[in-house]
Protein backbone atom coordinates (compact mmCIF):
# COMPACT_ATOMS: atom_id res chain seq x y z
CA MET A 1 0.00 0.00 0.00
CA ALA A 2 1.35 3.43 -0.84
CA PHE A 3 0.09 6.91 -0.36
CA VAL A 4 -2.22 8.38 -2.98
CA GLU A 5 -2.93 11.98 -3.87
CA ILE A 6 -5.92 13.53 -2.19
CA ASP A 7 -8.74 14.26 -4.60
CA PHE A 8 -9.78 17.73 -3.47
CA HIS A 9 -13.01 17.40 -5.45
CA GLY A 10 -13.76 13.90 -4.17
CA GLU A 11 -16.34 12.78 -1.69
CA ILE A 12 -13.88 11.95 1.10
CA PHE A 13 -12.22 15.37 1.06
CA LYS A 14 -15.56 17.19 0.96
CA HIS A 15 -16.73 15.16 3.94
CA TYR A 16 -13.45 15.81 5.77
CA ALA A 17 -13.87 19.55 5.18
CA LEU A 18 -17.46 19.44 6.43
CA ILE A 19 -16.55 17.53 9.60
CA ILE A 20 -13.57 19.80 10.32
CA ALA A 21 -15.78 22.87 9.87
CA PHE A 22 -18.30 21.48 12.39
CA LEU A 23 -15.52 20.67 14.86
CA VAL A 24 -13.97 24.14 14.50
CA LEU A 25 -17.38 25.74 15.01
CA LYS A 26 -17.76 23.74 18.19
CA MET A 27 -14.39 24.90 19.46
CA MET A 28 -15.22 28.49 18.52
CA PHE A 29 -18.46 28.22 20.51
CA TYR A 30 -16.46 27.86 23.74
CA VAL A 31 -15.24 31.46 23.55
CA PRO A 32 -18.61 33.22 23.87
CA TRP A 33 -19.92 30.42 26.11
CA THR A 34 -17.06 30.96 28.57
CA ALA A 35 -17.46 34.75 28.43
CA VAL A 36 -21.22 34.68 29.00
CA THR A 37 -20.81 32.18 31.84
CA ARG A 38 -18.17 34.38 33.47
CA ILE A 39 -20.49 37.40 33.25
CA ARG A 40 -23.53 35.52 34.57
CA ARG A 41 -21.57 34.07 37.48
CA GLY A 42 -19.49 37.19 38.16
CA ALA A 43 -16.37 35.04 37.95
CA PHE A 44 -13.63 36.88 36.09
CA ALA A 45 -10.05 35.82 35.40
CA ASN A 46 -8.45 39.27 35.78
CA PRO A 47 -9.31 42.40 37.76
CA GLU A 48 -9.51 44.52 34.61
CA ASP A 49 -12.14 42.15 33.17
CA ILE A 50 -14.67 42.88 35.93
CA LEU A 51 -17.66 44.78 34.62
CA PRO A 52 -18.58 47.54 37.09
CA TRP A 53 -22.36 46.94 36.88
CA ILE A 54 -22.10 43.29 37.96
CA GLN A 55 -22.68 42.95 41.69
CA ASP A 56 -20.52 40.53 43.63
CA ALA A 57 -18.12 40.13 40.71
CA LYS A 58 -14.77 38.74 41.72
CA VAL A 59 -11.49 37.47 40.35
CA THR A 60 -11.52 33.70 40.65
CA HIS A 61 -9.87 30.78 38.94
CA ASN A 62 -11.94 28.09 40.56
CA ASP A 63 -15.55 28.72 39.58
CA GLU A 64 -16.89 25.20 39.06
CA VAL A 65 -19.04 25.98 36.00
CA VAL A 66 -16.49 28.19 34.22
CA GLU A 67 -13.70 25.71 34.86
CA ARG A 68 -15.79 22.80 33.58
CA ILE A 69 -16.33 24.66 30.29
CA ARG A 70 -12.63 25.53 30.11
CA ARG A 71 -11.63 21.90 30.72
CA ALA A 72 -13.97 20.69 27.98
CA HIS A 73 -12.45 23.29 25.63
CA ARG A 74 -8.93 22.24 26.58
CA ASN A 75 -9.84 18.60 25.95
CA ASP A 76 -10.99 19.52 22.44
CA LEU A 77 -7.77 21.45 21.89
CA GLU A 78 -5.83 18.36 22.96
CA ASN A 79 -7.70 16.01 20.60
CA ILE A 80 -9.21 17.70 17.56
CA PRO A 81 -5.93 19.02 16.06
CA PHE A 82 -4.53 15.47 16.15
CA PHE A 83 -7.65 14.25 14.39
CA MET A 84 -7.24 16.92 11.71
CA VAL A 85 -3.70 15.74 10.99
CA ILE A 86 -4.26 11.99 11.14
CA ALA A 87 -7.49 12.19 9.14
CA TRP A 88 -5.60 14.15 6.44
CA LEU A 89 -2.91 11.47 6.30
CA TYR A 90 -5.57 8.76 6.41
CA MET A 91 -7.19 10.22 3.28
CA MET A 92 -3.86 9.62 1.53
CA THR A 93 -4.05 5.87 2.24
CA GLY A 94 -6.86 5.50 -0.30
CA PRO A 95 -9.59 4.36 2.11
CA SER A 96 -13.06 3.38 1.02
CA VAL A 97 -15.39 6.36 0.84
CA ASP A 98 -17.96 4.84 3.18
CA LEU A 99 -15.43 3.83 5.82
CA ALA A 100 -13.68 7.21 5.79
CA LYS A 101 -16.97 9.09 6.06
CA THR A 102 -18.13 6.84 8.88
CA LEU A 103 -14.88 7.28 10.83
CA PHE A 104 -15.01 11.05 10.43
CA GLU A 105 -18.66 11.16 11.53
CA VAL A 106 -18.12 8.89 14.52
CA PHE A 107 -15.24 11.06 15.71
CA ALA A 108 -17.26 14.27 15.33
CA VAL A 109 -20.35 12.86 17.04
CA CYS A 110 -18.20 11.57 19.90
CA ARG A 111 -16.56 14.96 20.39
CA TYR A 112 -19.96 16.69 20.42
CA MET A 113 -21.27 14.10 22.88
CA HIS A 114 -18.18 14.55 25.04
CA THR A 115 -18.92 18.27 25.29
CA MET A 116 -22.58 17.67 26.05
CA VAL A 117 -22.02 15.14 28.85
CA TYR A 118 -19.04 17.00 30.30
CA ALA A 119 -19.85 20.70 30.11
CA LEU A 120 -23.45 21.20 29.04
CA PHE A 121 -25.37 18.47 30.90
CA PRO A 122 -22.81 16.85 33.23
CA LEU A 123 -23.28 13.11 33.54
CA PRO A 124 -21.19 10.51 35.37
CA ALA A 125 -17.69 9.98 34.02
CA ALA A 126 -18.68 6.75 32.24
CA ALA A 127 -20.62 8.67 29.58
CA ARG A 128 -17.74 11.05 28.99
CA SER A 129 -15.23 8.19 28.95
CA LEU A 130 -17.26 6.29 26.37
CA ALA A 131 -17.41 9.29 24.04
CA PHE A 132 -13.70 9.96 24.54
CA MET A 133 -12.62 6.35 24.02
CA LEU A 134 -14.65 5.81 20.86
CA ALA A 135 -13.13 8.93 19.29
CA PHE A 136 -9.70 7.80 20.51
CA LEU A 137 -10.19 4.38 18.89
CA VAL A 138 -11.15 6.06 15.59
CA MET A 139 -7.90 8.04 15.66
CA GLY A 140 -5.98 4.92 16.62
CA TYR A 141 -7.40 2.97 13.68
CA MET A 142 -6.58 5.75 11.23
CA THR A 143 -3.07 6.04 12.70
CA ILE A 144 -2.46 2.31 12.21
CA CYS A 145 -3.68 2.59 8.61
CA VAL A 146 -1.22 5.41 7.99
CA LEU A 147 1.65 3.43 9.57
CA VAL A 148 0.80 0.37 7.48
CA SER A 149 0.78 2.53 4.33
CA CYS A 150 4.24 3.79 5.19
CA TYR A 151 5.79 0.36 5.50
CA VAL A 152 3.85 -2.03 3.29
């Protein structure tokens, strides 16, 4: 197996671009979500950020709700860029269209579910772990496919 050129007009690339756009939108959503949550809870990171009309506003780095959102965002920042890279390389292995699309979709759905059960509607760790592990397995499979293409 050798690497193939990516067909930038093909179905796999279009699906990759769509999935990446949805994942980037999700990561962008954290910025206003964190800001609004800070304002609502009066929990600011720096003294200069405090809005004078908010009563009981304070500088804090341990507001439970704000920190939960920040941790979910950080988790995305620790996982989604790796997916972007390995999925790009995976497209160069010449995968079947259906398998590639399914892997991309499973990863994206898992990352959305991870955010929902971690930051939006907190559930026990098992739900978050399941979403994380399934996405991790998708990346692992694609990584193995890339490694095999390098050496076979």
